[in-house]
């Protein structure tokens, strides 16, 4: 019951918007396919750990893909934005439609601007 995992020294959390690059073999040729969506669940641990990515396809149809973390077919993961959520599983997104189906609050950065010295 984890809400984060590590892949190639980067940490990924539930609620993150990611692009998953997978190697697909068709007719003897190897190509890369991109699946872009929100991580809604992370299950398991060790070699059997998986994560579920959900996106909205054409015609407002929700598509989910369960991907093993340690799969040799997993080429790379790119974080598009970090999400700030209060749940470990975001299954409630399944009941939403339209733009709200993937709406997750973005994490705010905690960097503060340097204080300026003013003479009064």
Protein backbone atom coordinates (compact mmCIF):
# COMPACT_ATOMS: atom_id res chain seq x y z
CA UNK A 1 0.00 0.00 0.00
CA UNK A 2 2.44 2.57 -1.15
CA UNK A 3 1.61 5.89 -2.73
CA UNK A 4 5.00 6.36 -4.38
CA UNK A 5 7.62 4.36 -6.27
CA UNK A 6 11.09 4.92 -7.66
CA UNK A 7 12.08 4.31 -11.27
CA UNK A 8 15.62 5.16 -12.46
CA UNK A 9 16.37 7.31 -9.40
CA UNK A 10 13.20 9.46 -9.75
CA UNK A 11 10.27 9.29 -7.35
CA UNK A 12 6.72 9.14 -8.71
CA UNK A 13 3.60 9.69 -6.61
CA UNK A 14 -0.13 9.18 -6.93
CA UNK A 15 -1.63 12.24 -8.62
CA UNK A 16 1.37 12.98 -10.84
CA UNK A 17 0.67 13.66 -14.52
CA UNK A 18 3.14 11.49 -16.45
CA UNK A 19 4.03 10.40 -19.95
CA UNK A 20 4.84 6.68 -20.08
CA UNK A 21 7.09 5.56 -22.94
CA UNK A 22 6.70 1.83 -23.67
CA UNK A 23 8.46 -0.34 -26.21
CA UNK A 24 5.99 -2.09 -28.53
CA UNK A 25 6.96 -4.82 -30.98
CA UNK A 26 4.82 -5.06 -34.12
CA UNK A 27 5.65 -7.17 -37.17
CA UNK A 28 9.24 -7.57 -36.06
CA UNK A 29 9.77 -3.84 -35.60
CA UNK A 30 10.33 -2.15 -32.27
CA UNK A 31 8.73 1.25 -31.68
CA UNK A 32 7.97 3.47 -28.71
CA UNK A 33 4.42 4.31 -27.72
CA UNK A 34 3.52 7.18 -25.39
CA UNK A 35 0.66 6.91 -22.88
CA UNK A 36 -0.05 10.24 -21.21
CA UNK A 37 -2.18 10.43 -18.06
CA UNK A 38 -2.51 10.65 -14.28
CA UNK A 39 -1.20 8.02 -11.88
CA UNK A 40 -4.32 6.95 -9.98
CA UNK A 41 -2.98 3.94 -8.06
CA UNK A 42 0.22 2.19 -7.02
CA UNK A 43 0.00 -1.42 -5.85
CA UNK A 44 2.35 -4.06 -4.56
CA UNK A 45 6.01 -3.92 -3.68
CA UNK A 46 9.27 -5.35 -4.90
CA UNK A 47 9.37 -7.04 -8.29
CA UNK A 48 5.56 -7.20 -8.56
CA UNK A 49 4.89 -3.50 -8.05
CA UNK A 50 2.51 -1.90 -10.57
CA UNK A 51 1.00 1.51 -11.17
CA UNK A 52 -2.19 2.51 -12.97
CA UNK A 53 -2.30 5.45 -15.38
CA UNK A 54 -5.60 6.94 -16.56
CA UNK A 55 -6.26 9.23 -19.50
CA UNK A 56 -9.29 10.49 -21.39
CA UNK A 57 -9.27 9.28 -25.00
CA UNK A 58 -11.29 10.42 -28.00
CA UNK A 59 -15.01 10.63 -27.36
CA UNK A 60 -14.52 11.28 -23.61
CA UNK A 61 -13.78 7.60 -22.95
CA UNK A 62 -11.57 6.87 -19.96
CA UNK A 63 -8.67 4.52 -20.64
CA UNK A 64 -6.54 2.94 -17.92
CA UNK A 65 -3.34 1.00 -18.27
CA UNK A 66 -1.70 -1.06 -15.52
CA UNK A 67 2.08 -1.01 -15.94
CA UNK A 68 4.66 -3.05 -13.99
CA UNK A 69 7.35 -0.79 -12.51
CA UNK A 70 10.17 -3.23 -13.29
CA UNK A 71 9.03 -4.16 -16.81
CA UNK A 72 11.74 -4.35 -19.50
CA UNK A 73 9.18 -2.83 -21.91
CA UNK A 74 9.02 0.36 -19.85
CA UNK A 75 11.38 2.73 -21.64
CA UNK A 76 11.05 5.92 -19.57
CA UNK A 77 8.70 8.00 -17.46
CA UNK A 78 8.46 11.76 -17.77
CA UNK A 79 6.72 13.84 -15.12
CA UNK A 80 4.65 16.63 -16.66
CA UNK A 81 3.32 17.97 -13.35
CA UNK A 82 3.27 16.95 -9.70
CA UNK A 83 -0.12 16.45 -8.11
CA UNK A 84 -1.15 17.22 -4.56
CA UNK A 85 -3.73 14.67 -3.38
CA UNK A 86 -5.01 13.40 -0.05
CA UNK A 87 -5.82 9.83 -1.13
CA UNK A 88 -3.66 6.83 -1.95
CA UNK A 89 -6.06 5.64 -4.67
CA UNK A 90 -7.79 8.12 -6.97
CA UNK A 91 -10.60 5.83 -8.10
CA UNK A 92 -13.11 8.66 -7.63
CA UNK A 93 -11.80 10.15 -10.90
CA UNK A 94 -13.57 7.30 -12.74
CA UNK A 95 -17.00 8.75 -11.96
CA UNK A 96 -16.10 12.19 -13.31
CA UNK A 97 -16.54 13.28 -16.91
CA UNK A 98 -14.98 15.87 -19.18
CA UNK A 99 -12.17 18.09 -17.93
CA UNK A 100 -12.85 17.20 -14.29
CA UNK A 101 -11.96 13.57 -14.93
CA UNK A 102 -8.23 14.32 -14.69
CA UNK A 103 -8.34 17.45 -12.55
CA UNK A 104 -5.84 17.14 -9.70
CA UNK A 105 -4.39 20.04 -7.73
CA UNK A 106 -0.82 20.84 -8.68
CA UNK A 107 1.83 20.86 -6.00
CA UNK A 108 3.07 24.31 -5.14
CA UNK A 109 6.79 24.95 -5.02
CA UNK A 110 8.13 25.97 -1.64
CA UNK A 111 10.91 28.25 -2.85
CA UNK A 112 10.77 31.74 -1.42
CA UNK A 113 12.31 34.78 -3.07
CA UNK A 114 15.33 36.28 -1.32
CA UNK A 115 14.63 39.17 1.01
CA UNK A 116 15.82 42.52 -0.19
CA UNK A 117 17.71 44.81 2.13
CA UNK A 118 16.04 48.19 2.32
CA UNK A 119 17.30 51.17 4.26
CA UNK A 120 14.65 53.22 5.95
